[in-house]
PDB file of N, CA and C in Angstrom:
ATOM      1  N   MET A   1     -18.636 -50.299 -27.336  1.00  0.00           N
ATOM      2  CA  MET A   1     -19.466 -49.147 -27.139  1.00  0.00           C
ATOM      3  C   MET A   1     -19.787 -48.472 -28.480  1.00  0.00           C
ATOM      4  N   GLN A   2     -18.774 -48.356 -29.332  1.00  0.00           N
ATOM      5  CA  GLN A   2     -19.014 -47.736 -30.633  1.00  0.00           C
ATOM      6  C   GLN A   2     -19.966 -48.570 -31.482  1.00  0.00           C
ATOM      7  N   GLU A   3     -19.864 -49.881 -31.349  1.00  0.00           N
ATOM      8  CA  GLU A   3     -20.764 -50.766 -32.106  1.00  0.00           C
ATOM      9  C   GLU A   3     -22.211 -50.546 -31.684  1.00  0.00           C
ATOM     10  N   GLU A   4     -22.448 -50.450 -30.391  1.00  0.00           N
ATOM     11  CA  GLU A   4     -23.807 -50.200 -29.904  1.00  0.00           C
ATOM     12  C   GLU A   4     -24.302 -48.828 -30.346  1.00  0.00           C
ATOM     13  N   THR A   5     -23.416 -47.854 -30.344  1.00  0.00           N
ATOM     14  CA  THR A   5     -23.782 -46.513 -30.802  1.00  0.00           C
ATOM     15  C   THR A   5     -24.201 -46.543 -32.264  1.00  0.00           C
ATOM     16  N   ARG A   6     -23.476 -47.299 -33.083  1.00  0.00           N
ATOM     17  CA  ARG A   6     -23.842 -47.412 -34.499  1.00  0.00           C
ATOM     18  C   ARG A   6     -25.203 -48.082 -34.666  1.00  0.00           C
ATOM     19  N   HIS A   7     -25.487 -49.105 -33.850  1.00  0.00           N
ATOM     20  CA  HIS A   7     -26.796 -49.762 -33.937  1.00  0.00           C
ATOM     21  C   HIS A   7     -27.917 -48.798 -33.557  1.00  0.00           C
ATOM     22  N   ILE A   8     -27.727 -48.059 -32.492  1.00  0.00           N
ATOM     23  CA  ILE A   8     -28.755 -47.106 -32.061  1.00  0.00           C
ATOM     24  C   ILE A   8     -28.975 -46.053 -33.136  1.00  0.00           C
ATOM     25  N   LEU A   9     -27.893 -45.514 -33.660  1.00  0.00           N
ATOM     26  CA  LEU A   9     -28.008 -44.499 -34.703  1.00  0.00           C
ATOM     27  C   LEU A   9     -28.704 -45.048 -35.945  1.00  0.00           C
ATOM     28  N   PHE A  10     -28.400 -46.295 -36.312  1.00  0.00           N
ATOM     29  CA  PHE A  10     -29.056 -46.916 -37.461  1.00  0.00           C
ATOM     30  C   PHE A  10     -30.567 -46.998 -37.237  1.00  0.00           C
ATOM     31  N   PHE A  11     -30.989 -47.477 -36.057  1.00  0.00           N
ATOM     32  CA  PHE A  11     -32.421 -47.639 -35.817  1.00  0.00           C
ATOM     33  C   PHE A  11     -33.142 -46.302 -35.691  1.00  0.00           C
ATOM     34  N   VAL A  12     -32.491 -45.315 -35.120  1.00  0.00           N
ATOM     35  CA  VAL A  12     -33.105 -43.982 -35.049  1.00  0.00           C
ATOM     36  C   VAL A  12     -33.289 -43.423 -36.456  1.00  0.00           C
ATOM     37  N   ASN A  13     -32.264 -43.558 -37.277  1.00  0.00           N
ATOM     38  CA  ASN A  13     -32.368 -43.071 -38.660  1.00  0.00           C
ATOM     39  C   ASN A  13     -33.411 -43.858 -39.446  1.00  0.00           C
ATOM     40  N   TRP A  14     -33.465 -45.178 -39.229  1.00  0.00           N
ATOM     41  CA  TRP A  14     -34.463 -45.981 -39.931  1.00  0.00           C
ATOM     42  C   TRP A  14     -35.868 -45.565 -39.535  1.00  0.00           C
ATOM     43  N   ALA A  15     -36.103 -45.357 -38.240  1.00  0.00           N
ATOM     44  CA  ALA A  15     -37.440 -44.950 -37.783  1.00  0.00           C
ATOM     45  C   ALA A  15     -37.825 -43.601 -38.384  1.00  0.00           C
ATOM     46  N   ALA A  16     -36.885 -42.654 -38.416  1.00  0.00           N
ATOM     47  CA  ALA A  16     -37.177 -41.344 -39.016  1.00  0.00           C
ATOM     48  C   ALA A  16     -37.472 -41.479 -40.507  1.00  0.00           C
ATOM     49  N   TRP A  17     -36.691 -42.307 -41.204  1.00  0.00           N
ATOM     50  CA  TRP A  17     -36.928 -42.516 -42.631  1.00  0.00           C
ATOM     51  C   TRP A  17     -38.281 -43.183 -42.865  1.00  0.00           C
ATOM     52  N   HIS A  18     -38.576 -44.205 -42.075  1.00  0.00           N
ATOM     53  CA  HIS A  18     -39.838 -44.931 -42.242  1.00  0.00           C
ATOM     54  C   HIS A  18     -41.039 -44.020 -41.982  1.00  0.00           C
ATOM     55  N   ARG A  19     -40.928 -43.208 -40.938  1.00  0.00           N
ATOM     56  CA  ARG A  19     -42.018 -42.276 -40.622  1.00  0.00           C
ATOM     57  C   ARG A  19     -42.203 -41.275 -41.754  1.00  0.00           C
ATOM     58  N   ARG A  20     -41.102 -40.804 -42.319  1.00  0.00           N
ATOM     59  CA  ARG A  20     -41.160 -39.785 -43.373  1.00  0.00           C
ATOM     60  C   ARG A  20     -41.691 -40.345 -44.701  1.00  0.00           C
ATOM     61  N   THR A  21     -41.346 -41.585 -45.026  1.00  0.00           N
ATOM     62  CA  THR A  21     -41.727 -42.130 -46.329  1.00  0.00           C
ATOM     63  C   THR A  21     -43.034 -42.918 -46.303  1.00  0.00           C
ATOM     64  N   SER A  22     -43.609 -43.126 -45.119  1.00  0.00           N
ATOM     65  CA  SER A  22     -44.882 -43.850 -45.026  1.00  0.00           C
ATOM     66  C   SER A  22     -46.022 -42.969 -45.509  1.00  0.00           C
ATOM     67  N   PRO A  23     -47.058 -43.592 -46.051  1.00  0.00           N
ATOM     68  CA  PRO A  23     -48.238 -42.812 -46.407  1.00  0.00           C
ATOM     69  C   PRO A  23     -48.874 -42.214 -45.149  1.00  0.00           C
ATOM     70  N   TRP A  24     -49.592 -41.131 -45.306  1.00  0.00           N
ATOM     71  CA  TRP A  24     -50.150 -40.418 -44.155  1.00  0.00           C
ATOM     72  C   TRP A  24     -51.065 -41.300 -43.316  1.00  0.00           C
ATOM     73  N   TRP A  25     -51.761 -42.248 -43.940  1.00  0.00           N
ATOM     74  CA  TRP A  25     -52.713 -43.065 -43.198  1.00  0.00           C
ATOM     75  C   TRP A  25     -52.035 -44.165 -42.387  1.00  0.00           C
ATOM     76  N   ARG A  26     -50.745 -44.453 -42.643  1.00  0.00           N
ATOM     77  CA  ARG A  26     -50.018 -45.456 -41.849  1.00  0.00           C
ATOM     78  C   ARG A  26     -49.235 -44.839 -40.689  1.00  0.00           C
ATOM     79  N   ARG A  27     -49.008 -43.558 -40.717  1.00  0.00           N
ATOM     80  CA  ARG A  27     -48.195 -42.896 -39.694  1.00  0.00           C
ATOM     81  C   ARG A  27     -48.777 -43.018 -38.285  1.00  0.00           C
ATOM     82  N   PRO A  28     -50.093 -42.864 -38.094  1.00  0.00           N
ATOM     83  CA  PRO A  28     -50.612 -43.038 -36.720  1.00  0.00           C
ATOM     84  C   PRO A  28     -50.357 -44.447 -36.165  1.00  0.00           C
ATOM     85  N   TRP A  29     -50.486 -45.471 -36.997  1.00  0.00           N
ATOM     86  CA  TRP A  29     -50.234 -46.841 -36.534  1.00  0.00           C
ATOM     87  C   TRP A  29     -48.761 -47.023 -36.153  1.00  0.00           C
ATOM     88  N   PHE A  30     -47.854 -46.451 -36.954  1.00  0.00           N
ATOM     89  CA  PHE A  30     -46.432 -46.539 -36.635  1.00  0.00           C
ATOM     90  C   PHE A  30     -46.127 -45.816 -35.323  1.00  0.00           C
ATOM     91  N   MET A  31     -46.723 -44.660 -35.117  1.00  0.00           N
ATOM     92  CA  MET A  31     -46.511 -43.924 -33.868  1.00  0.00           C
ATOM     93  C   MET A  31     -47.082 -44.697 -32.680  1.00  0.00           C
ATOM     94  N   LEU A  32     -48.207 -45.372 -32.882  1.00  0.00           N
ATOM     95  CA  LEU A  32     -48.791 -46.174 -31.807  1.00  0.00           C
ATOM     96  C   LEU A  32     -47.873 -47.336 -31.447  1.00  0.00           C
ATOM     97  N   LYS A  33     -47.328 -48.010 -32.456  1.00  0.00           N
ATOM     98  CA  LYS A  33     -46.401 -49.114 -32.194  1.00  0.00           C
ATOM     99  C   LYS A  33     -45.137 -48.613 -31.501  1.00  0.00           C
ATOM    100  N   SER A  34     -44.603 -47.485 -31.948  1.00  0.00           N
ATOM    101  CA  SER A  34     -43.411 -46.916 -31.324  1.00  0.00           C
ATOM    102  C   SER A  34     -43.673 -46.535 -29.872  1.00  0.00           C
ATOM    103  N   SER A  35     -44.836 -45.962 -29.621  1.00  0.00           N
ATOM    104  CA  SER A  35     -45.201 -45.591 -28.251  1.00  0.00           C
ATOM    105  C   SER A  35     -45.339 -46.823 -27.367  1.00  0.00           C
ATOM    106  N   ALA A  36     -45.880 -47.899 -27.912  1.00  0.00           N
ATOM    107  CA  ALA A  36     -46.020 -49.136 -27.149  1.00  0.00           C
ATOM    108  C   ALA A  36     -44.645 -49.703 -26.781  1.00  0.00           C
ATOM    109  N   VAL A  37     -43.697 -49.628 -27.695  1.00  0.00           N
ATOM    110  CA  VAL A  37     -42.344 -50.103 -27.407  1.00  0.00           C
ATOM    111  C   VAL A  37     -41.716 -49.261 -26.311  1.00  0.00           C
ATOM    112  N   TRP A  38     -41.854 -47.934 -26.387  1.00  0.00           N
ATOM    113  CA  TRP A  38     -41.310 -47.059 -25.348  1.00  0.00           C
ATOM    114  C   TRP A  38     -41.963 -47.332 -23.999  1.00  0.00           C
ATOM    115  N   ALA A  39     -43.264 -47.536 -23.986  1.00  0.00           N
ATOM    116  CA  ALA A  39     -43.955 -47.839 -22.731  1.00  0.00           C
ATOM    117  C   ALA A  39     -43.434 -49.142 -22.125  1.00  0.00           C
ATOM    118  N   PHE A  40     -43.211 -50.156 -22.955  1.00  0.00           N
ATOM    119  CA  PHE A  40     -42.675 -51.417 -22.453  1.00  0.00           C
ATOM    120  C   PHE A  40     -41.276 -51.235 -21.888  1.00  0.00           C
ATOM    121  N   LEU A  41     -40.427 -50.477 -22.585  1.00  0.00           N
ATOM    122  CA  LEU A  41     -39.064 -50.259 -22.102  1.00  0.00           C
ATOM    123  C   LEU A  41     -39.048 -49.513 -20.772  1.00  0.00           C
ATOM    124  N   ILE A  42     -39.927 -48.534 -20.624  1.00  0.00           N
ATOM    125  CA  ILE A  42     -40.024 -47.813 -19.352  1.00  0.00           C
ATOM    126  C   ILE A  42     -40.490 -48.752 -18.253  1.00  0.00           C
ATOM    127  N   TRP A  43     -41.501 -49.567 -18.542  1.00  0.00           N
ATOM    128  CA  TRP A  43     -42.004 -50.538 -17.558  1.00  0.00           C
ATOM    129  C   TRP A  43     -40.902 -51.518 -17.166  1.00  0.00           C
ATOM    130  N   GLU A  44     -40.110 -51.955 -18.135  1.00  0.00           N
ATOM    131  CA  GLU A  44     -39.017 -52.882 -17.865  1.00  0.00           C
ATOM    132  C   GLU A  44     -37.958 -52.240 -16.968  1.00  0.00           C
ATOM    133  N   ARG A  45     -37.602 -50.987 -17.227  1.00  0.00           N
ATOM    134  CA  ARG A  45     -36.612 -50.285 -16.405  1.00  0.00           C
ATOM    135  C   ARG A  45     -37.119 -50.072 -14.986  1.00  0.00           C
ATOM    136  N   ILE A  46     -38.401 -49.778 -14.842  1.00  0.00           N
ATOM    137  CA  ILE A  46     -38.975 -49.639 -13.504  1.00  0.00           C
ATOM    138  C   ILE A  46     -38.875 -50.959 -12.753  1.00  0.00           C
ATOM    139  N   GLY A  47     -39.127 -52.065 -13.448  1.00  0.00           N
ATOM    140  CA  GLY A  47     -38.995 -53.387 -12.831  1.00  0.00           C
ATOM    141  C   GLY A  47     -37.571 -53.668 -12.388  1.00  0.00           C
ATOM    142  N   ILE A  48     -36.600 -53.252 -13.186  1.00  0.00           N
ATOM    143  CA  ILE A  48     -35.199 -53.433 -12.806  1.00  0.00           C
ATOM    144  C   ILE A  48     -34.885 -52.584 -11.583  1.00  0.00           C
ATOM    145  N   ALA A  49     -35.369 -51.337 -11.575  1.00  0.00           N
ATOM    146  CA  ALA A  49     -35.108 -50.453 -10.433  1.00  0.00           C
ATOM    147  C   ALA A  49     -35.747 -50.988  -9.156  1.00  0.00           C
ATOM    148  N   ARG A  50     -36.900 -51.610  -9.263  1.00  0.00           N
ATOM    149  CA  ARG A  50     -37.546 -52.185  -8.080  1.00  0.00           C
ATOM    150  C   ARG A  50     -36.796 -53.404  -7.557  1.00  0.00           C
ATOM    151  N   GLY A  51     -35.966 -54.018  -8.384  1.00  0.00           N
ATOM    152  CA  GLY A  51     -35.196 -55.179  -7.971  1.00  0.00           C
ATOM    153  C   GLY A  51     -33.947 -54.837  -7.178  1.00  0.00           C
ATOM    154  N   ILE A  52     -33.672 -53.552  -6.991  1.00  0.00           N
ATOM    155  CA  ILE A  52     -32.501 -53.132  -6.228  1.00  0.00           C
ATOM    156  C   ILE A  52     -32.915 -52.970  -4.773  1.00  0.00           C
ATOM    157  N   ASP A  53     -32.176 -53.616  -3.867  1.00  0.00           N
ATOM    158  CA  ASP A  53     -32.523 -53.523  -2.448  1.00  0.00           C
ATOM    159  C   ASP A  53     -31.942 -52.251  -1.826  1.00  0.00           C
ATOM    160  N   GLN A  54     -32.082 -52.114  -0.517  1.00  0.00           N
ATOM    161  CA  GLN A  54     -31.647 -50.905   0.191  1.00  0.00           C
ATOM    162  C   GLN A  54     -30.129 -50.701   0.138  1.00  0.00           C
ATOM    163  N   LYS A  55     -29.379 -51.771  -0.025  1.00  0.00           N
ATOM    164  CA  LYS A  55     -27.921 -51.674  -0.083  1.00  0.00           C
ATOM    165  C   LYS A  55     -27.420 -51.386  -1.495  1.00  0.00           C
ATOM    166  N   GLY A  56     -28.326 -51.317  -2.450  1.00  0.00           N
ATOM    167  CA  GLY A  56     -27.946 -51.059  -3.833  1.00  0.00           C
ATOM    168  C   GLY A  56     -27.582 -52.302  -4.608  1.00  0.00           C
ATOM    169  N   GLN A  57     -27.912 -53.469  -4.082  1.00  0.00           N
ATOM    170  CA  GLN A  57     -27.599 -54.735  -4.739  1.00  0.00           C
ATOM    171  C   GLN A  57     -28.782 -55.199  -5.572  1.00  0.00           C
ATOM    172  N   MET A  58     -28.484 -55.742  -6.760  1.00  0.00           N
ATOM    173  CA  MET A  58     -29.524 -56.299  -7.617  1.00  0.00           C
ATOM    174  C   MET A  58     -29.971 -57.643  -7.052  1.00  0.00           C
ATOM    175  N   GLN A  59     -31.234 -57.955  -7.198  1.00  0.00           N
ATOM    176  CA  GLN A  59     -31.775 -59.206  -6.701  1.00  0.00           C
ATOM    177  C   GLN A  59     -31.997 -60.235  -7.799  1.00  0.00           C
ATOM    178  N   ASP A  60     -31.624 -59.906  -9.036  1.00  0.00           N
ATOM    179  CA  ASP A  60     -31.835 -60.876 -10.113  1.00  0.00           C
ATOM    180  C   ASP A  60     -30.563 -61.694 -10.348  1.00  0.00           C
ATOM    181  N   ALA A  61     -30.668 -62.708 -11.172  1.00  0.00           N
ATOM    182  CA  ALA A  61     -29.543 -63.608 -11.419  1.00  0.00           C
ATOM    183  C   ALA A  61     -28.773 -63.176 -12.660  1.00  0.00           C
ATOM    184  N   ASN A  62     -28.315 -61.970 -12.688  1.00  0.00           N
ATOM    185  CA  ASN A  62     -27.555 -61.443 -13.809  1.00  0.00           C
ATOM    186  C   ASN A  62     -26.158 -62.058 -13.784  1.00  0.00           C
ATOM    187  N   PHE A  63     -25.772 -62.749 -14.847  1.00  0.00           N
ATOM    188  CA  PHE A  63     -24.483 -63.450 -14.853  1.00  0.00           C
ATOM    189  C   PHE A  63     -23.317 -62.485 -14.689  1.00  0.00           C
ATOM    190  N   ALA A  64     -23.370 -61.369 -15.353  1.00  0.00           N
ATOM    191  CA  ALA A  64     -22.251 -60.438 -15.275  1.00  0.00           C
ATOM    192  C   ALA A  64     -22.058 -59.908 -13.857  1.00  0.00           C
ATOM    193  N   MET A  65     -23.152 -59.760 -13.121  1.00  0.00           N
ATOM    194  CA  MET A  65     -23.057 -59.245 -11.756  1.00  0.00           C
ATOM    195  C   MET A  65     -22.753 -60.351 -10.753  1.00  0.00           C
ATOM    196  N   ASN A  66     -23.294 -61.537 -10.964  1.00  0.00           N
ATOM    197  CA  ASN A  66     -23.215 -62.608  -9.972  1.00  0.00           C
ATOM    198  C   ASN A  66     -22.518 -63.861 -10.477  1.00  0.00           C
ATOM    199  N   GLY A  67     -21.909 -63.800 -11.637  1.00  0.00           N
ATOM    200  CA  GLY A  67     -21.318 -64.991 -12.236  1.00  0.00           C
ATOM    201  C   GLY A  67     -20.168 -65.581 -11.447  1.00  0.00           C
ATOM    202  N   ALA A  68     -19.356 -64.738 -10.807  1.00  0.00           N
ATOM    203  CA  ALA A  68     -18.209 -65.243 -10.058  1.00  0.00           C
ATOM    204  C   ALA A  68     -18.647 -66.099  -8.878  1.00  0.00           C
ATOM    205  N   GLU A  69     -19.794 -65.770  -8.293  1.00  0.00           N
ATOM    206  CA  GLU A  69     -20.305 -66.556  -7.165  1.00  0.00           C
ATOM    207  C   GLU A  69     -20.649 -67.977  -7.605  1.00  0.00           C
ATOM    208  N   GLN A  70     -21.108 -68.148  -8.838  1.00  0.00           N
ATOM    209  CA  GLN A  70     -21.495 -69.456  -9.326  1.00  0.00           C
ATOM    210  C   GLN A  70     -20.287 -70.333  -9.647  1.00  0.00           C
ATOM    211  N   ILE A  71     -19.169 -69.707  -9.977  1.00  0.00           N
ATOM    212  CA  ILE A  71     -17.962 -70.457 -10.310  1.00  0.00           C
ATOM    213  C   ILE A  71     -17.345 -71.070  -9.060  1.00  0.00           C
ATOM    214  N   GLY A  72     -17.486 -70.374  -7.925  1.00  0.00           N
ATOM    215  CA  GLY A  72     -16.918 -70.864  -6.680  1.00  0.00           C
ATOM    216  C   GLY A  72     -15.507 -70.376  -6.440  1.00  0.00           C
ATOM    217  N   VAL A  73     -15.069 -69.408  -7.222  1.00  0.00           N
ATOM    218  CA  VAL A  73     -13.734 -68.846  -7.055  1.00  0.00           C
ATOM    219  C   VAL A  73     -13.897 -67.372  -6.724  1.00  0.00           C
ATOM    220  N   ALA A  74     -13.180 -66.910  -5.734  1.00  0.00           N
ATOM    221  CA  ALA A  74     -13.235 -65.483  -5.384  1.00  0.00           C
ATOM    222  C   ALA A  74     -12.446 -64.688  -6.412  1.00  0.00           C
ATOM    223  N   ILE A  75     -13.120 -63.832  -7.123  1.00  0.00           N
ATOM    224  CA  ILE A  75     -12.472 -63.006  -8.141  1.00  0.00           C
ATOM    225  C   ILE A  75     -12.563 -61.563  -7.680  1.00  0.00           C
ATOM    226  N   ASP A  76     -11.418 -60.981  -7.365  1.00  0.00           N
ATOM    227  CA  ASP A  76     -11.351 -59.577  -6.952  1.00  0.00           C
ATOM    228  C   ASP A  76     -10.489 -58.817  -7.944  1.00  0.00           C
ATOM    229  N   PRO A  77     -11.006 -57.703  -8.492  1.00  0.00           N
ATOM    230  CA  PRO A  77     -10.188 -56.919  -9.419  1.00  0.00           C
ATOM    231  C   PRO A  77      -9.019 -56.275  -8.667  1.00  0.00           C
ATOM    232  N   PRO A  78      -7.890 -56.115  -9.325  1.00  0.00           N
ATOM    233  CA  PRO A  78      -6.764 -55.447  -8.659  1.00  0.00           C
ATOM    234  C   PRO A  78      -7.106 -53.988  -8.366  1.00  0.00           C
ATOM    235  N   ARG A  79      -6.549 -53.506  -7.303  1.00  0.00           N
ATOM    236  CA  ARG A  79      -6.834 -52.105  -6.899  1.00  0.00           C
ATOM    237  C   ARG A  79      -6.031 -51.143  -7.714  1.00  0.00           C
TER     238      ARG A  79
END
């Protein structure tokens, strides 16, 4: 978790530095690219949310969620 936090913080700081040190005529293009990335991430999250059925189960083949079924062994965490 801390490793991911460091990566996020690095990229946020890099984006702020890049925006600040870019010439004024490049800043709109950088903001457009950043907005496009955010729009894609939102669209992707909406797609993930639509993949959840009424019981709250994911319908995709996510290994972490469904990997035990593929092994053929019942794996239950201890209570």
